[in-house]
Amino acid sequence: MPPYGHTHRPSQLEPLPRKIDLTVLAEEQFTRLGQVSHNTPRKCLGYQTPAEIFRNHLLHFKYESTFLRVQE
């Protein structure tokens, strides 16, 4: 029996075998795997998703790069 925290895990989050040939996956399957992976909260990220972290970094970069300096 799996530990308590893993009993309600949806099937799409099941890990792939380490040596799977990704070229045999259909493009839709490959895209779905990426979406699930990037939208799964991680404890090491403060329970944010990798997609949220990436978006926040992009927004931070966007605001810093568009800051206009006053020329003297």
C-alpha atoms as a PDB file:
ATOM      1  CA  MET A   1       0.000   0.000   0.000  1.00  0.00           C
ATOM      2  CA  PRO A   2       1.439   3.430  -0.924  1.00  0.00           C
ATOM      3  CA  PRO A   3       2.107   6.034   1.755  1.00  0.00           C
ATOM      4  CA  TYR A   4      -0.902   8.200   2.674  1.00  0.00           C
ATOM      5  CA  GLY A   5       0.202  11.226   0.626  1.00  0.00           C
ATOM      6  CA  HIS A   6       0.284   9.258  -2.619  1.00  0.00           C
ATOM      7  CA  THR A   7      -3.063   7.449  -2.454  1.00  0.00           C
ATOM      8  CA  HIS A   8      -5.058  10.135  -4.290  1.00  0.00           C
ATOM      9  CA  ARG A   9      -2.576  10.860  -7.052  1.00  0.00           C
ATOM     10  CA  PRO A  10      -4.232  11.376 -10.466  1.00  0.00           C
ATOM     11  CA  SER A  11      -3.088   8.920 -13.134  1.00  0.00           C
ATOM     12  CA  GLN A  12      -1.751  11.660 -15.452  1.00  0.00           C
ATOM     13  CA  LEU A  13       0.881  12.488 -12.828  1.00  0.00           C
ATOM     14  CA  GLU A  14       2.347   8.997 -12.844  1.00  0.00           C
ATOM     15  CA  PRO A  15       6.016   9.235 -13.750  1.00  0.00           C
ATOM     16  CA  LEU A  16       7.281   7.948 -17.065  1.00  0.00           C
ATOM     17  CA  PRO A  17       9.849   5.170 -17.171  1.00  0.00           C
ATOM     18  CA  ARG A  18      13.364   6.649 -17.142  1.00  0.00           C
ATOM     19  CA  LYS A  19      14.415   5.143 -20.463  1.00  0.00           C
ATOM     20  CA  ILE A  20      11.281   5.891 -22.493  1.00  0.00           C
ATOM     21  CA  ASP A  21      11.730   6.909 -26.119  1.00  0.00           C
ATOM     22  CA  LEU A  22       9.871  10.243 -26.265  1.00  0.00           C
ATOM     23  CA  THR A  23       9.708  10.084 -30.054  1.00  0.00           C
ATOM     24  CA  VAL A  24       7.019   7.398 -29.794  1.00  0.00           C
ATOM     25  CA  LEU A  25       4.644   9.772 -28.006  1.00  0.00           C
ATOM     26  CA  ALA A  26       2.088  11.707 -30.011  1.00  0.00           C
ATOM     27  CA  GLU A  27       2.554  15.492 -29.963  1.00  0.00           C
ATOM     28  CA  GLU A  28      -0.630  15.866 -27.881  1.00  0.00           C
ATOM     29  CA  GLN A  29       0.684  13.429 -25.267  1.00  0.00           C
ATOM     30  CA  PHE A  30       4.046  15.190 -25.136  1.00  0.00           C
ATOM     31  CA  THR A  31       2.378  18.600 -24.760  1.00  0.00           C
ATOM     32  CA  ARG A  32       0.083  17.272 -22.021  1.00  0.00           C
ATOM     33  CA  LEU A  33       3.048  15.869 -20.084  1.00  0.00           C
ATOM     34  CA  GLY A  34       4.699  19.285 -20.173  1.00  0.00           C
ATOM     35  CA  GLN A  35       1.527  21.043 -19.055  1.00  0.00           C
ATOM     36  CA  VAL A  36       1.010  18.667 -16.143  1.00  0.00           C
ATOM     37  CA  SER A  37       4.641  18.957 -15.095  1.00  0.00           C
ATOM     38  CA  HIS A  38       4.785  22.761 -15.288  1.00  0.00           C
ATOM     39  CA  ASN A  39       1.449  23.226 -13.509  1.00  0.00           C
ATOM     40  CA  THR A  40       2.102  20.916 -10.556  1.00  0.00           C
ATOM     41  CA  PRO A  41       2.941  22.782  -7.327  1.00  0.00           C
ATOM     42  CA  ARG A  42       6.329  21.928  -5.796  1.00  0.00           C
ATOM     43  CA  LYS A  43       7.210  22.026  -2.130  1.00  0.00           C
ATOM     44  CA  CYS A  44      10.724  23.287  -2.995  1.00  0.00           C
ATOM     45  CA  LEU A  45       9.123  26.288  -4.762  1.00  0.00           C
ATOM     46  CA  GLY A  46       6.955  27.228  -1.796  1.00  0.00           C
ATOM     47  CA  TYR A  47       4.015  25.298  -3.269  1.00  0.00           C
ATOM     48  CA  GLN A  48       4.045  27.412  -6.416  1.00  0.00           C
ATOM     49  CA  THR A  49       4.140  25.837  -9.841  1.00  0.00           C
ATOM     50  CA  PRO A  50       7.201  26.115 -12.106  1.00  0.00           C
ATOM     51  CA  ALA A  51       4.951  28.012 -14.547  1.00  0.00           C
ATOM     52  CA  GLU A  52       4.110  30.610 -11.858  1.00  0.00           C
ATOM     53  CA  ILE A  53       7.766  31.071 -10.950  1.00  0.00           C
ATOM     54  CA  PHE A  54       8.725  31.477 -14.615  1.00  0.00           C
ATOM     55  CA  ARG A  55       5.900  33.958 -15.260  1.00  0.00           C
ATOM     56  CA  ASN A  56       6.906  36.035 -12.219  1.00  0.00           C
ATOM     57  CA  HIS A  57      10.517  36.154 -13.393  1.00  0.00           C
ATOM     58  CA  LEU A  58       9.409  37.234 -16.870  1.00  0.00           C
ATOM     59  CA  LEU A  59       7.232  39.998 -15.435  1.00  0.00           C
ATOM     60  CA  HIS A  60      10.089  41.175 -13.222  1.00  0.00           C
ATOM     61  CA  PHE A  61      12.443  41.215 -16.218  1.00  0.00           C
ATOM     62  CA  LYS A  62       9.868  43.024 -18.366  1.00  0.00           C
ATOM     63  CA  TYR A  63       9.446  45.829 -15.830  1.00  0.00           C
ATOM     64  CA  GLU A  64      13.186  46.208 -15.253  1.00  0.00           C
ATOM     65  CA  SER A  65      14.029  46.269 -18.954  1.00  0.00           C
ATOM     66  CA  THR A  66      11.370  48.864 -19.802  1.00  0.00           C
ATOM     67  CA  PHE A  67      12.485  51.284 -17.108  1.00  0.00           C
ATOM     68  CA  LEU A  68      13.591  54.476 -18.836  1.00  0.00           C
ATOM     69  CA  ARG A  69      16.601  56.222 -17.426  1.00  0.00           C
ATOM     70  CA  VAL A  70      16.687  59.979 -17.487  1.00  0.00           C
ATOM     71  CA  GLN A  71      19.581  61.137 -19.589  1.00  0.00           C
ATOM     72  CA  GLU A  72      21.591  63.927 -18.047  1.00  0.00           C
END
